[in-house]
Amino acid sequence: MESTPAVFAGTVFALFGAGLVLWTGARTVHRQPVADGVRPVASALLAGAFGAGSLALAAWCFGQL
């Protein structure tokens, strides 16, 4: 019963993190800004860090099963 919230949270974190990392990578490869009005390197690093953090949280949630 308690594993259901961990599976849901892990899935949400995994989908968000993977989507953010893929989107940031695609924008960076095409040399397009990740965020408007921000330095390109800083915005790409910050978005990538949040994506990696979300993937790490997903792994932690799935590890709690």
C-alpha atoms as a PDB file:
ATOM      1  CA  MET A   1       0.000   0.000   0.000  1.00  0.00           C
ATOM      2  CA  GLU A   2       2.809   2.428   0.800  1.00  0.00           C
ATOM      3  CA  SER A   3       4.663   1.629  -2.427  1.00  0.00           C
ATOM      4  CA  THR A   4       1.991   3.259  -4.601  1.00  0.00           C
ATOM      5  CA  PRO A   5       2.996   6.868  -3.739  1.00  0.00           C
ATOM      6  CA  ALA A   6       6.678   6.010  -4.273  1.00  0.00           C
ATOM      7  CA  VAL A   7       5.933   4.558  -7.709  1.00  0.00           C
ATOM      8  CA  PHE A   8       3.822   7.587  -8.660  1.00  0.00           C
ATOM      9  CA  ALA A   9       6.396  10.103  -7.428  1.00  0.00           C
ATOM     10  CA  GLY A  10       9.248   8.196  -9.053  1.00  0.00           C
ATOM     11  CA  THR A  11       7.420   8.092 -12.372  1.00  0.00           C
ATOM     12  CA  VAL A  12       6.653  11.807 -12.256  1.00  0.00           C
ATOM     13  CA  PHE A  13      10.254  12.695 -11.389  1.00  0.00           C
ATOM     14  CA  ALA A  14      11.591  10.363 -14.101  1.00  0.00           C
ATOM     15  CA  LEU A  15       9.333  11.765 -16.817  1.00  0.00           C
ATOM     16  CA  PHE A  16      10.016  15.375 -15.847  1.00  0.00           C
ATOM     17  CA  GLY A  17      13.763  14.866 -15.507  1.00  0.00           C
ATOM     18  CA  ALA A  18      14.108  12.972 -18.779  1.00  0.00           C
ATOM     19  CA  GLY A  19      11.980  15.513 -20.626  1.00  0.00           C
ATOM     20  CA  LEU A  20      13.944  18.436 -19.223  1.00  0.00           C
ATOM     21  CA  VAL A  21      17.317  16.881 -20.033  1.00  0.00           C
ATOM     22  CA  LEU A  22      16.235  15.974 -23.578  1.00  0.00           C
ATOM     23  CA  TRP A  23      14.688  19.396 -24.209  1.00  0.00           C
ATOM     24  CA  THR A  24      17.752  21.206 -22.855  1.00  0.00           C
ATOM     25  CA  GLY A  25      20.046  19.033 -24.940  1.00  0.00           C
ATOM     26  CA  ALA A  26      18.032  19.629 -28.107  1.00  0.00           C
ATOM     27  CA  ARG A  27      17.991  23.392 -27.560  1.00  0.00           C
ATOM     28  CA  THR A  28      21.724  23.420 -26.865  1.00  0.00           C
ATOM     29  CA  VAL A  29      22.598  21.340 -29.936  1.00  0.00           C
ATOM     30  CA  HIS A  30      20.601  23.692 -32.165  1.00  0.00           C
ATOM     31  CA  ARG A  31      22.248  26.698 -30.471  1.00  0.00           C
ATOM     32  CA  GLN A  32      18.899  28.105 -29.377  1.00  0.00           C
ATOM     33  CA  PRO A  33      18.350  29.747 -25.994  1.00  0.00           C
ATOM     34  CA  VAL A  34      17.110  27.562 -23.171  1.00  0.00           C
ATOM     35  CA  ALA A  35      15.636  30.584 -21.381  1.00  0.00           C
ATOM     36  CA  ASP A  36      15.040  34.075 -22.731  1.00  0.00           C
ATOM     37  CA  GLY A  37      17.057  36.895 -21.232  1.00  0.00           C
ATOM     38  CA  VAL A  38      19.597  34.647 -19.515  1.00  0.00           C
ATOM     39  CA  ARG A  39      23.134  33.736 -20.540  1.00  0.00           C
ATOM     40  CA  PRO A  40      22.981  30.544 -22.655  1.00  0.00           C
ATOM     41  CA  VAL A  41      25.614  28.630 -20.711  1.00  0.00           C
ATOM     42  CA  ALA A  42      24.101  29.455 -17.330  1.00  0.00           C
ATOM     43  CA  SER A  43      20.572  28.536 -18.370  1.00  0.00           C
ATOM     44  CA  ALA A  44      21.686  25.263 -19.973  1.00  0.00           C
ATOM     45  CA  LEU A  45      23.699  24.275 -16.898  1.00  0.00           C
ATOM     46  CA  LEU A  46      20.893  25.150 -14.500  1.00  0.00           C
ATOM     47  CA  ALA A  47      18.236  23.333 -16.527  1.00  0.00           C
ATOM     48  CA  GLY A  48      20.519  20.321 -16.906  1.00  0.00           C
ATOM     49  CA  ALA A  49      21.200  20.293 -13.178  1.00  0.00           C
ATOM     50  CA  PHE A  50      17.492  20.358 -12.365  1.00  0.00           C
ATOM     51  CA  GLY A  51      16.877  17.566 -14.868  1.00  0.00           C
ATOM     52  CA  ALA A  52      19.655  15.448 -13.372  1.00  0.00           C
ATOM     53  CA  GLY A  53      18.353  16.190  -9.883  1.00  0.00           C
ATOM     54  CA  SER A  54      14.888  15.029 -10.875  1.00  0.00           C
ATOM     55  CA  LEU A  55      16.333  11.821 -12.293  1.00  0.00           C
ATOM     56  CA  ALA A  56      18.246  11.289  -9.053  1.00  0.00           C
ATOM     57  CA  LEU A  57      15.048  11.785  -7.049  1.00  0.00           C
ATOM     58  CA  ALA A  58      13.304   9.270  -9.308  1.00  0.00           C
ATOM     59  CA  ALA A  59      16.045   6.722  -8.628  1.00  0.00           C
ATOM     60  CA  TRP A  60      15.739   7.372  -4.897  1.00  0.00           C
ATOM     61  CA  CYS A  61      11.946   6.930  -4.999  1.00  0.00           C
ATOM     62  CA  PHE A  62      12.255   3.665  -6.902  1.00  0.00           C
ATOM     63  CA  GLY A  63      14.923   2.562  -4.460  1.00  0.00           C
ATOM     64  CA  GLN A  64      12.454   2.929  -1.577  1.00  0.00           C
ATOM     65  CA  LEU A  65      10.346   0.067  -2.939  1.00  0.00           C
END
